[in-house]
N, C-alpha and C. Protein backbone atom coordinates (compact mmCIF):
# COMPACT_ATOMS: atom_id res chain seq x y z
N MET A 1 80.76 23.28 36.47
CA MET A 1 80.18 23.98 35.53
C MET A 1 79.67 22.92 34.46
N GLU A 2 80.44 21.88 34.18
CA GLU A 2 79.98 20.94 33.33
C GLU A 2 78.79 20.33 33.73
N GLU A 3 78.57 20.06 35.02
CA GLU A 3 77.27 19.50 35.36
C GLU A 3 76.10 20.30 35.16
N LYS A 4 76.23 21.76 35.23
CA LYS A 4 75.06 22.55 35.10
C LYS A 4 74.74 22.61 33.53
N LYS A 5 75.93 22.47 32.70
CA LYS A 5 75.49 22.60 31.24
C LYS A 5 74.94 21.20 30.78
N LYS A 6 75.30 20.16 31.52
CA LYS A 6 74.57 18.80 31.13
C LYS A 6 73.11 18.87 31.62
N LYS A 7 72.75 19.44 32.70
CA LYS A 7 71.48 19.58 33.37
C LYS A 7 70.64 20.28 32.38
N LYS A 8 71.17 21.51 31.91
CA LYS A 8 70.25 22.24 31.13
C LYS A 8 69.66 21.50 29.79
N PRO A 9 70.64 20.82 29.06
CA PRO A 9 69.93 20.11 27.84
C PRO A 9 68.99 19.06 28.43
N GLU A 10 69.34 18.35 29.42
CA GLU A 10 68.32 17.39 29.91
C GLU A 10 67.06 18.04 30.24
N SER A 11 67.09 19.03 30.98
CA SER A 11 65.94 19.82 31.46
C SER A 11 65.21 20.37 30.17
N ALA A 12 65.90 20.81 29.15
CA ALA A 12 65.25 21.30 27.84
C ALA A 12 64.53 20.06 27.30
N ALA A 13 65.21 19.15 27.12
CA ALA A 13 64.68 17.81 26.58
C ALA A 13 63.46 17.34 27.36
N GLU A 14 63.52 17.51 28.65
CA GLU A 14 62.34 17.02 29.59
C GLU A 14 61.18 17.93 29.23
N ASP A 15 61.50 19.26 29.14
CA ASP A 15 60.46 20.32 28.77
C ASP A 15 59.80 20.06 27.51
N LYS A 16 60.67 19.73 26.55
CA LYS A 16 60.16 19.46 25.19
C LYS A 16 59.40 18.21 25.10
N THR A 17 59.89 17.22 25.81
CA THR A 17 59.03 15.90 25.97
C THR A 17 57.71 16.16 26.56
N ALA A 18 57.77 16.88 27.68
CA ALA A 18 56.49 17.14 28.39
C ALA A 18 55.52 18.03 27.43
N ALA A 19 56.11 18.97 26.73
CA ALA A 19 55.28 19.77 25.99
C ALA A 19 54.72 18.86 24.64
N LEU A 20 55.57 18.00 24.21
CA LEU A 20 55.16 17.06 23.16
C LEU A 20 53.93 16.17 23.53
N ILE A 21 54.09 15.68 24.89
CA ILE A 21 53.08 14.71 25.47
C ILE A 21 51.86 15.44 25.76
N ALA A 22 51.93 16.70 26.16
CA ALA A 22 50.80 17.61 26.43
C ALA A 22 49.97 17.85 25.07
N GLU A 23 50.91 18.17 24.01
CA GLU A 23 50.36 18.49 22.68
C GLU A 23 49.65 17.20 22.14
N ASN A 24 50.39 16.01 22.19
CA ASN A 24 49.88 14.69 21.85
C ASN A 24 48.55 14.42 22.60
N GLU A 25 48.50 14.57 23.81
CA GLU A 25 47.23 14.36 24.61
C GLU A 25 46.05 15.30 24.16
N ALA A 26 46.37 16.50 23.95
CA ALA A 26 45.47 17.49 23.38
C ALA A 26 44.89 17.02 21.96
N LEU A 27 45.79 16.59 21.07
CA LEU A 27 45.47 16.05 19.80
C LEU A 27 44.64 14.81 19.93
N ILE A 28 44.92 13.99 20.94
CA ILE A 28 44.16 12.78 21.03
C ILE A 28 42.66 13.15 21.57
N LYS A 29 42.72 14.13 22.37
CA LYS A 29 41.38 14.58 22.83
C LYS A 29 40.52 15.17 21.97
N GLU A 30 41.23 15.99 20.93
CA GLU A 30 40.45 16.61 19.81
C GLU A 30 39.94 15.49 18.89
N VAL A 31 40.82 14.41 18.57
CA VAL A 31 40.37 13.41 17.62
C VAL A 31 39.20 12.57 18.26
N GLU A 32 39.28 12.42 19.55
CA GLU A 32 38.13 11.78 20.29
C GLU A 32 36.83 12.51 20.13
N ASP A 33 37.00 13.83 20.49
CA ASP A 33 35.85 14.68 20.41
C ASP A 33 35.36 14.75 18.70
N ALA A 34 36.26 14.82 17.86
CA ALA A 34 35.83 14.80 16.42
C ALA A 34 35.12 13.53 16.19
N LYS A 35 35.59 12.19 16.56
CA LYS A 35 35.10 11.04 16.39
C LYS A 35 33.60 11.00 16.97
N SER A 36 33.60 11.59 18.21
CA SER A 36 32.31 11.49 19.04
C SER A 36 31.24 12.42 18.20
N LYS A 37 31.61 13.64 17.69
CA LYS A 37 30.75 14.40 16.88
C LYS A 37 30.41 13.76 15.51
N ALA A 38 31.48 13.01 14.90
CA ALA A 38 31.11 12.36 13.58
C ALA A 38 30.20 11.31 13.93
N ASP A 39 30.16 10.46 14.93
CA ASP A 39 29.23 9.49 15.27
C ASP A 39 27.89 10.04 15.51
N GLU A 40 27.71 11.21 16.19
CA GLU A 40 26.45 11.82 16.38
C GLU A 40 25.90 12.37 15.11
N TYR A 41 26.80 13.04 14.18
CA TYR A 41 26.15 13.50 13.00
C TYR A 41 25.74 12.26 12.10
N LYS A 42 26.57 11.26 12.17
CA LYS A 42 26.17 10.11 11.32
C LYS A 42 24.81 9.45 11.80
N ASP A 43 24.61 9.45 13.14
CA ASP A 43 23.40 8.88 13.66
C ASP A 43 22.24 9.85 13.35
N LYS A 44 22.35 10.96 13.40
CA LYS A 44 21.41 12.09 12.87
C LYS A 44 20.99 11.93 11.54
N TRP A 45 22.19 11.78 10.58
CA TRP A 45 21.93 11.58 9.27
C TRP A 45 21.09 10.28 8.87
N MET A 46 21.53 9.21 9.59
CA MET A 46 20.85 7.97 9.34
C MET A 46 19.53 8.06 9.83
N ARG A 47 19.07 8.61 10.77
CA ARG A 47 17.73 8.92 11.30
C ARG A 47 16.89 9.71 10.23
N ASN A 48 17.50 10.77 9.82
CA ASN A 48 16.89 11.51 8.80
C ASN A 48 16.52 10.87 7.53
N VAL A 49 17.49 9.98 7.16
CA VAL A 49 17.34 9.20 5.89
C VAL A 49 16.23 8.32 6.09
N ALA A 50 16.22 7.54 7.22
CA ALA A 50 15.09 6.74 7.52
C ALA A 50 13.72 7.34 7.63
N GLU A 51 13.71 8.61 8.29
CA GLU A 51 12.46 9.36 8.35
C GLU A 51 11.95 9.77 6.99
N PHE A 52 12.90 10.17 6.14
CA PHE A 52 12.64 10.67 4.79
C PHE A 52 12.05 9.38 3.91
N ASP A 53 12.75 8.21 4.15
CA ASP A 53 12.34 6.98 3.49
C ASP A 53 10.76 6.70 3.91
N ASN A 54 10.60 6.84 5.25
CA ASN A 54 9.27 6.55 5.66
C ASN A 54 8.21 7.50 5.27
N TYR A 55 8.64 8.81 5.13
CA TYR A 55 7.88 9.75 4.53
C TYR A 55 7.32 9.45 3.08
N LYS A 56 8.31 9.03 2.32
CA LYS A 56 8.16 8.75 0.90
C LYS A 56 7.07 7.63 0.74
N LYS A 57 7.27 6.60 1.69
CA LYS A 57 6.41 5.41 1.61
C LYS A 57 5.10 5.86 2.04
N ARG A 58 4.91 6.62 2.93
CA ARG A 58 3.53 7.03 3.49
C ARG A 58 2.95 7.90 2.37
N ASN A 59 3.65 8.80 1.85
CA ASN A 59 3.14 9.76 0.85
C ASN A 59 2.61 8.84 -0.53
N ALA A 60 3.46 7.83 -0.78
CA ALA A 60 3.17 7.19 -2.04
C ALA A 60 1.90 6.37 -1.64
N LYS A 61 1.84 5.89 -0.43
CA LYS A 61 0.50 5.05 0.02
C LYS A 61 -0.67 5.93 -0.07
N LEU A 62 -0.58 7.25 0.44
CA LEU A 62 -1.59 8.07 0.46
C LEU A 62 -2.04 8.45 -0.96
N TRP A 63 -1.13 8.69 -1.96
CA TRP A 63 -1.35 8.96 -3.27
C TRP A 63 -2.13 7.85 -3.91
N GLN A 64 -1.64 6.61 -3.61
CA GLN A 64 -2.27 5.55 -4.33
C GLN A 64 -3.67 5.13 -3.75
N ASP A 65 -3.86 5.43 -2.40
CA ASP A 65 -5.17 5.28 -1.82
C ASP A 65 -6.20 6.45 -2.46
N ALA A 66 -5.75 7.66 -2.54
CA ALA A 66 -6.55 8.64 -3.18
C ALA A 66 -6.86 8.31 -4.56
N PHE A 67 -5.79 7.81 -5.39
CA PHE A 67 -6.10 7.55 -6.75
C PHE A 67 -7.19 6.41 -6.88
N ASN A 68 -6.94 5.37 -6.01
CA ASN A 68 -8.03 4.25 -6.01
C ASN A 68 -9.42 4.73 -5.48
N GLU A 69 -9.40 5.70 -4.66
CA GLU A 69 -10.72 6.15 -4.33
C GLU A 69 -11.40 6.84 -5.46
N GLY A 70 -10.50 7.65 -6.09
CA GLY A 70 -11.08 8.38 -7.32
C GLY A 70 -11.64 7.35 -8.35
N ILE A 71 -10.85 6.37 -8.66
CA ILE A 71 -11.22 5.17 -9.66
C ILE A 71 -12.40 4.70 -9.14
N ALA A 72 -12.56 4.30 -7.92
CA ALA A 72 -13.70 3.63 -7.32
C ALA A 72 -15.00 4.64 -7.48
N SER A 73 -14.85 5.85 -7.20
CA SER A 73 -15.99 6.70 -7.21
C SER A 73 -16.46 6.90 -8.73
N VAL A 74 -15.69 6.83 -9.64
CA VAL A 74 -16.12 7.05 -11.10
C VAL A 74 -16.70 5.78 -11.56
N ILE A 75 -16.08 4.57 -11.32
CA ILE A 75 -16.59 3.33 -11.75
C ILE A 75 -17.82 3.09 -11.04
N LEU A 76 -18.00 3.27 -9.84
CA LEU A 76 -19.43 3.16 -9.14
C LEU A 76 -20.51 3.99 -10.02
N LYS A 77 -20.19 5.07 -10.52
CA LYS A 77 -21.17 5.73 -11.29
C LYS A 77 -21.41 5.13 -12.75
N ILE A 78 -20.41 4.46 -13.22
CA ILE A 78 -20.70 3.77 -14.56
C ILE A 78 -21.10 2.32 -14.50
N LEU A 79 -21.07 1.75 -13.38
CA LEU A 79 -21.54 0.38 -13.23
C LEU A 79 -22.97 0.25 -13.76
N VAL A 80 -23.68 1.45 -13.61
CA VAL A 80 -25.10 1.35 -14.05
C VAL A 80 -25.24 0.90 -15.58
N VAL A 81 -24.21 1.36 -16.35
CA VAL A 81 -24.16 1.12 -17.78
C VAL A 81 -24.06 -0.31 -17.90
N GLY A 82 -23.09 -1.05 -17.14
CA GLY A 82 -22.96 -2.36 -17.30
C GLY A 82 -24.15 -3.29 -16.93
N ASP A 83 -24.76 -2.77 -15.81
CA ASP A 83 -26.06 -3.39 -15.44
C ASP A 83 -27.12 -3.30 -16.54
N THR A 84 -27.24 -2.15 -17.11
CA THR A 84 -28.18 -1.92 -18.26
C THR A 84 -27.89 -2.88 -19.44
N LEU A 85 -26.50 -3.03 -19.69
CA LEU A 85 -26.21 -3.99 -20.91
C LEU A 85 -26.57 -5.25 -20.50
N ASP A 86 -26.39 -5.81 -19.25
CA ASP A 86 -26.74 -7.14 -18.80
C ASP A 86 -28.23 -7.32 -19.02
N ARG A 87 -29.11 -6.28 -18.59
CA ARG A 87 -30.44 -6.54 -18.70
C ARG A 87 -30.88 -6.51 -20.17
N ALA A 88 -30.39 -5.71 -21.04
CA ALA A 88 -30.61 -5.69 -22.44
C ALA A 88 -30.27 -7.04 -23.16
N LEU A 89 -29.05 -7.77 -22.70
CA LEU A 89 -28.69 -8.95 -23.27
C LEU A 89 -29.60 -9.98 -23.00
N SER A 90 -30.29 -9.88 -21.68
CA SER A 90 -31.19 -10.97 -21.21
C SER A 90 -32.62 -10.78 -21.85
N LEU A 91 -32.79 -9.80 -22.70
CA LEU A 91 -34.21 -9.59 -23.33
C LEU A 91 -34.48 -10.53 -24.47
N GLY A 92 -33.49 -10.99 -25.08
CA GLY A 92 -33.72 -11.95 -26.32
C GLY A 92 -33.99 -11.03 -27.59
N LEU A 93 -33.13 -10.10 -27.83
CA LEU A 93 -33.41 -9.27 -28.93
C LEU A 93 -32.90 -10.05 -30.17
N ASP A 94 -33.12 -9.24 -31.42
CA ASP A 94 -32.65 -9.97 -32.60
C ASP A 94 -31.09 -10.26 -32.50
N GLU A 95 -30.78 -11.19 -33.60
CA GLU A 95 -29.22 -11.57 -33.54
C GLU A 95 -28.30 -10.45 -33.55
N LYS A 96 -28.60 -9.63 -34.73
CA LYS A 96 -27.46 -8.52 -34.89
C LYS A 96 -27.44 -7.62 -33.54
N THR A 97 -28.59 -7.31 -33.16
CA THR A 97 -28.51 -6.40 -31.75
C THR A 97 -27.90 -7.08 -30.71
N GLN A 98 -28.18 -8.29 -30.54
CA GLN A 98 -27.70 -9.06 -29.53
C GLN A 98 -26.15 -9.11 -29.59
N ALA A 99 -25.63 -9.33 -30.75
CA ALA A 99 -24.12 -9.36 -31.13
C ALA A 99 -23.55 -8.02 -30.80
N GLY A 100 -24.23 -7.02 -31.26
CA GLY A 100 -23.67 -5.56 -30.98
C GLY A 100 -23.64 -5.34 -29.51
N LEU A 101 -24.53 -5.60 -28.75
CA LEU A 101 -24.66 -5.30 -27.33
C LEU A 101 -23.49 -6.31 -26.65
N ALA A 102 -23.50 -7.48 -27.09
CA ALA A 102 -22.36 -8.38 -26.32
C ALA A 102 -21.03 -7.78 -26.70
N GLY A 103 -20.78 -7.19 -27.81
CA GLY A 103 -19.45 -6.74 -28.05
C GLY A 103 -19.19 -5.50 -27.09
N ILE A 104 -20.31 -4.77 -26.97
CA ILE A 104 -20.06 -3.47 -25.96
C ILE A 104 -19.92 -3.94 -24.60
N LYS A 105 -20.63 -4.89 -24.32
CA LYS A 105 -20.57 -5.45 -22.95
C LYS A 105 -19.08 -6.10 -22.77
N ARG A 106 -18.51 -6.81 -23.69
CA ARG A 106 -17.12 -7.28 -23.64
C ARG A 106 -16.27 -6.21 -23.43
N LYS A 107 -16.33 -5.13 -24.23
CA LYS A 107 -15.38 -3.92 -24.00
C LYS A 107 -15.45 -3.27 -22.67
N PHE A 108 -16.86 -3.27 -22.11
CA PHE A 108 -17.00 -2.71 -20.79
C PHE A 108 -16.21 -3.57 -19.84
N ASP A 109 -16.41 -4.83 -19.85
CA ASP A 109 -15.76 -5.78 -18.99
C ASP A 109 -14.19 -5.72 -19.10
N GLU A 110 -13.75 -5.61 -20.17
CA GLU A 110 -12.25 -5.45 -20.50
C GLU A 110 -11.77 -4.08 -19.80
N THR A 111 -12.49 -3.13 -19.92
CA THR A 111 -12.13 -1.79 -19.41
C THR A 111 -12.07 -2.07 -17.88
N LEU A 112 -13.02 -2.55 -17.28
CA LEU A 112 -13.00 -2.83 -15.87
C LEU A 112 -11.81 -3.61 -15.36
N SER A 113 -11.67 -4.62 -16.15
CA SER A 113 -10.54 -5.66 -15.84
C SER A 113 -9.23 -4.81 -15.99
N SER A 114 -9.03 -3.97 -16.90
CA SER A 114 -7.69 -3.31 -17.01
C SER A 114 -7.48 -2.28 -15.83
N LEU A 115 -8.60 -1.80 -15.19
CA LEU A 115 -8.48 -1.02 -13.96
C LEU A 115 -8.43 -1.95 -12.73
N GLU A 116 -8.15 -3.21 -12.81
CA GLU A 116 -8.12 -4.29 -11.71
C GLU A 116 -9.37 -4.20 -10.91
N ILE A 117 -10.44 -4.14 -11.59
CA ILE A 117 -11.79 -4.16 -10.95
C ILE A 117 -12.39 -5.65 -11.35
N GLU A 118 -12.76 -6.23 -10.31
CA GLU A 118 -13.23 -7.63 -10.37
C GLU A 118 -14.66 -7.81 -9.98
N GLU A 119 -15.43 -8.58 -10.70
CA GLU A 119 -16.90 -8.74 -10.44
C GLU A 119 -16.88 -9.72 -9.29
N ILE A 120 -18.01 -9.50 -8.40
CA ILE A 120 -18.30 -10.44 -7.32
C ILE A 120 -19.59 -11.19 -7.71
N ASN A 121 -19.52 -12.36 -7.89
CA ASN A 121 -20.60 -13.29 -8.17
C ASN A 121 -20.72 -14.47 -7.25
N PRO A 122 -21.34 -14.40 -6.19
CA PRO A 122 -21.26 -15.41 -5.11
C PRO A 122 -22.35 -16.46 -5.17
N VAL A 123 -22.87 -16.65 -6.40
CA VAL A 123 -23.97 -17.71 -6.60
C VAL A 123 -23.32 -19.09 -6.19
N GLY A 124 -24.05 -19.87 -5.35
CA GLY A 124 -23.72 -21.11 -4.90
C GLY A 124 -22.78 -21.16 -3.71
N GLU A 125 -22.16 -19.96 -3.23
CA GLU A 125 -21.33 -19.89 -2.21
C GLU A 125 -22.05 -19.53 -1.03
N VAL A 126 -21.39 -20.01 0.12
CA VAL A 126 -21.99 -19.51 1.42
C VAL A 126 -22.06 -17.98 1.56
N PHE A 127 -23.28 -17.44 2.06
CA PHE A 127 -23.40 -16.03 2.07
C PHE A 127 -22.36 -15.40 3.03
N ASP A 128 -21.72 -14.33 2.53
CA ASP A 128 -20.62 -13.62 3.17
C ASP A 128 -21.13 -12.19 3.22
N PRO A 129 -21.45 -11.65 4.41
CA PRO A 129 -21.91 -10.20 4.43
C PRO A 129 -20.84 -9.14 4.13
N ASN A 130 -19.51 -9.58 3.91
CA ASN A 130 -18.45 -8.78 3.74
C ASN A 130 -18.44 -8.50 2.23
N ILE A 131 -19.07 -9.27 1.39
CA ILE A 131 -19.02 -9.05 -0.12
C ILE A 131 -20.36 -9.01 -0.63
N ALA A 132 -21.55 -9.24 0.09
CA ALA A 132 -22.74 -9.26 -0.37
C ALA A 132 -23.80 -8.72 0.63
N GLU A 133 -24.93 -8.18 -0.11
CA GLU A 133 -25.96 -7.77 0.79
C GLU A 133 -27.27 -8.59 0.57
N ALA A 134 -27.85 -9.24 1.50
CA ALA A 134 -29.05 -9.98 1.37
C ALA A 134 -30.16 -9.25 1.33
N VAL A 135 -30.94 -9.23 0.10
CA VAL A 135 -31.99 -8.40 -0.05
C VAL A 135 -33.38 -9.27 0.03
N MET A 136 -33.19 -10.51 0.07
CA MET A 136 -34.27 -11.46 0.15
C MET A 136 -33.86 -12.91 0.55
N GLN A 137 -34.71 -13.64 1.29
CA GLN A 137 -34.60 -15.00 1.59
C GLN A 137 -35.42 -15.81 0.83
N VAL A 138 -34.98 -17.10 0.42
CA VAL A 138 -35.95 -17.91 -0.40
C VAL A 138 -35.99 -19.23 0.36
N GLU A 139 -37.05 -19.96 0.15
CA GLU A 139 -37.14 -21.25 0.73
C GLU A 139 -36.20 -22.26 0.06
N LYS A 140 -35.70 -23.23 0.88
CA LYS A 140 -34.85 -24.20 0.54
C LYS A 140 -35.51 -25.26 -0.33
N GLY A 141 -34.71 -25.47 -1.52
CA GLY A 141 -35.33 -26.53 -2.35
C GLY A 141 -34.43 -27.79 -2.14
N GLU A 142 -34.71 -28.75 -2.99
CA GLU A 142 -34.16 -30.00 -2.83
C GLU A 142 -32.72 -30.07 -3.09
N GLU A 143 -32.08 -29.24 -3.98
CA GLU A 143 -30.74 -29.11 -4.31
C GLU A 143 -29.95 -28.01 -3.49
N ASP A 144 -30.62 -27.18 -2.89
CA ASP A 144 -30.12 -26.09 -2.01
C ASP A 144 -29.63 -26.40 -0.79
N THR A 145 -28.59 -25.53 -0.39
CA THR A 145 -27.92 -25.73 1.01
C THR A 145 -28.29 -24.39 1.78
N SER A 146 -28.44 -24.40 2.98
CA SER A 146 -28.86 -23.39 3.84
C SER A 146 -27.74 -22.40 3.81
N ASP A 147 -28.03 -21.04 3.85
CA ASP A 147 -27.15 -20.00 3.95
C ASP A 147 -26.21 -19.79 2.69
N THR A 148 -26.88 -20.30 1.69
CA THR A 148 -25.97 -20.16 0.33
C THR A 148 -26.71 -19.06 -0.55
N VAL A 149 -26.02 -18.54 -1.42
CA VAL A 149 -26.46 -17.44 -2.32
C VAL A 149 -27.32 -18.21 -3.34
N LYS A 150 -28.51 -17.93 -3.58
CA LYS A 150 -29.32 -18.58 -4.63
C LYS A 150 -29.20 -17.75 -5.90
N GLN A 151 -29.41 -16.44 -5.89
CA GLN A 151 -29.44 -15.53 -7.07
C GLN A 151 -28.71 -14.28 -6.76
N VAL A 152 -28.29 -13.79 -7.81
CA VAL A 152 -27.58 -12.22 -7.75
C VAL A 152 -28.59 -11.35 -8.56
N PHE A 153 -28.94 -10.38 -7.76
CA PHE A 153 -29.93 -9.45 -8.47
C PHE A 153 -29.03 -8.13 -9.00
N GLU A 154 -27.97 -7.81 -8.31
CA GLU A 154 -27.13 -6.91 -8.85
C GLU A 154 -25.68 -7.22 -8.48
N LYS A 155 -24.82 -7.27 -9.56
CA LYS A 155 -23.48 -7.82 -9.27
C LYS A 155 -22.73 -6.89 -8.39
N GLY A 156 -21.77 -7.43 -7.73
CA GLY A 156 -20.87 -6.53 -6.84
C GLY A 156 -19.44 -6.38 -7.63
N TYR A 157 -18.65 -5.41 -7.08
CA TYR A 157 -17.45 -5.15 -7.67
C TYR A 157 -16.50 -4.92 -6.54
N LYS A 158 -15.17 -5.15 -6.83
CA LYS A 158 -14.17 -4.84 -5.97
C LYS A 158 -12.94 -4.34 -6.72
N LEU A 159 -12.27 -3.36 -6.19
CA LEU A 159 -11.04 -2.79 -6.70
C LEU A 159 -9.85 -3.23 -5.79
N LYS A 160 -9.13 -4.22 -6.27
CA LYS A 160 -8.10 -4.92 -5.58
C LYS A 160 -8.83 -5.59 -4.42
N ASP A 161 -8.46 -5.26 -3.28
CA ASP A 161 -9.12 -5.82 -1.95
C ASP A 161 -10.45 -5.05 -1.48
N LYS A 162 -10.71 -4.01 -2.04
CA LYS A 162 -11.58 -3.02 -1.48
C LYS A 162 -12.94 -3.20 -2.33
N ILE A 163 -14.00 -3.51 -1.47
CA ILE A 163 -15.44 -3.67 -2.21
C ILE A 163 -15.83 -2.21 -2.59
N ILE A 164 -16.18 -2.04 -3.74
CA ILE A 164 -16.72 -0.76 -4.17
C ILE A 164 -18.26 -0.79 -4.33
N ARG A 165 -18.73 -2.04 -4.56
CA ARG A 165 -20.29 -2.16 -4.71
C ARG A 165 -20.53 -3.62 -4.18
N TYR A 166 -21.30 -3.78 -3.14
CA TYR A 166 -21.84 -5.03 -2.64
C TYR A 166 -22.79 -5.77 -3.58
N ALA A 167 -22.63 -7.00 -3.72
CA ALA A 167 -23.56 -7.84 -4.65
C ALA A 167 -24.99 -7.67 -3.94
N LYS A 168 -26.09 -7.64 -4.51
CA LYS A 168 -27.33 -7.76 -3.92
C LYS A 168 -27.92 -9.11 -4.31
N VAL A 169 -28.15 -9.94 -3.32
CA VAL A 169 -28.42 -11.36 -3.50
C VAL A 169 -29.73 -11.88 -2.63
N SER A 170 -30.16 -13.10 -3.15
CA SER A 170 -31.17 -13.76 -2.33
C SER A 170 -30.38 -14.88 -1.73
N VAL A 171 -30.75 -15.22 -0.39
CA VAL A 171 -30.13 -16.40 0.26
C VAL A 171 -31.11 -17.39 0.71
N VAL A 172 -30.61 -18.63 0.63
CA VAL A 172 -31.37 -19.79 1.04
C VAL A 172 -31.61 -19.90 2.45
N LYS A 173 -32.88 -19.92 2.97
CA LYS A 173 -33.12 -20.16 4.45
C LYS A 173 -32.57 -21.28 4.99
């Protein structure tokens, strides 16, 4: 009988050990599944963060482009005022009128500059159809070089890197 009593506790201990091992294996599997799901959720979260960041950048660029288009559209309409001021300044008016017009023209130019609008004046440079439109060709003089801009009839303007009005020029043959 003593042997039977001894085997029961061993058998109970073995059963308990087997149960603990099975429970431990189940917990290990749960932890691995949880880690796998956590990695999956982390990956999805990181992708969503990246997508949202890209969306914000695209949206900011679209907004900036639309804003620049709006500025370009308005400036294109008021450039006529600057052209008129340039013509008036070249008329040789009396001193006070000339000074008043020069002040207005200076303010006009400062306003354009504050909006990051630059004047295109390619006189003496090689003709570039990306910034100027040739409206006439002139004969080559002694000091002239072929394919260079001789005279600007209408100034060109650009907003940052975008041309909003091409300069109208004459080109040496």
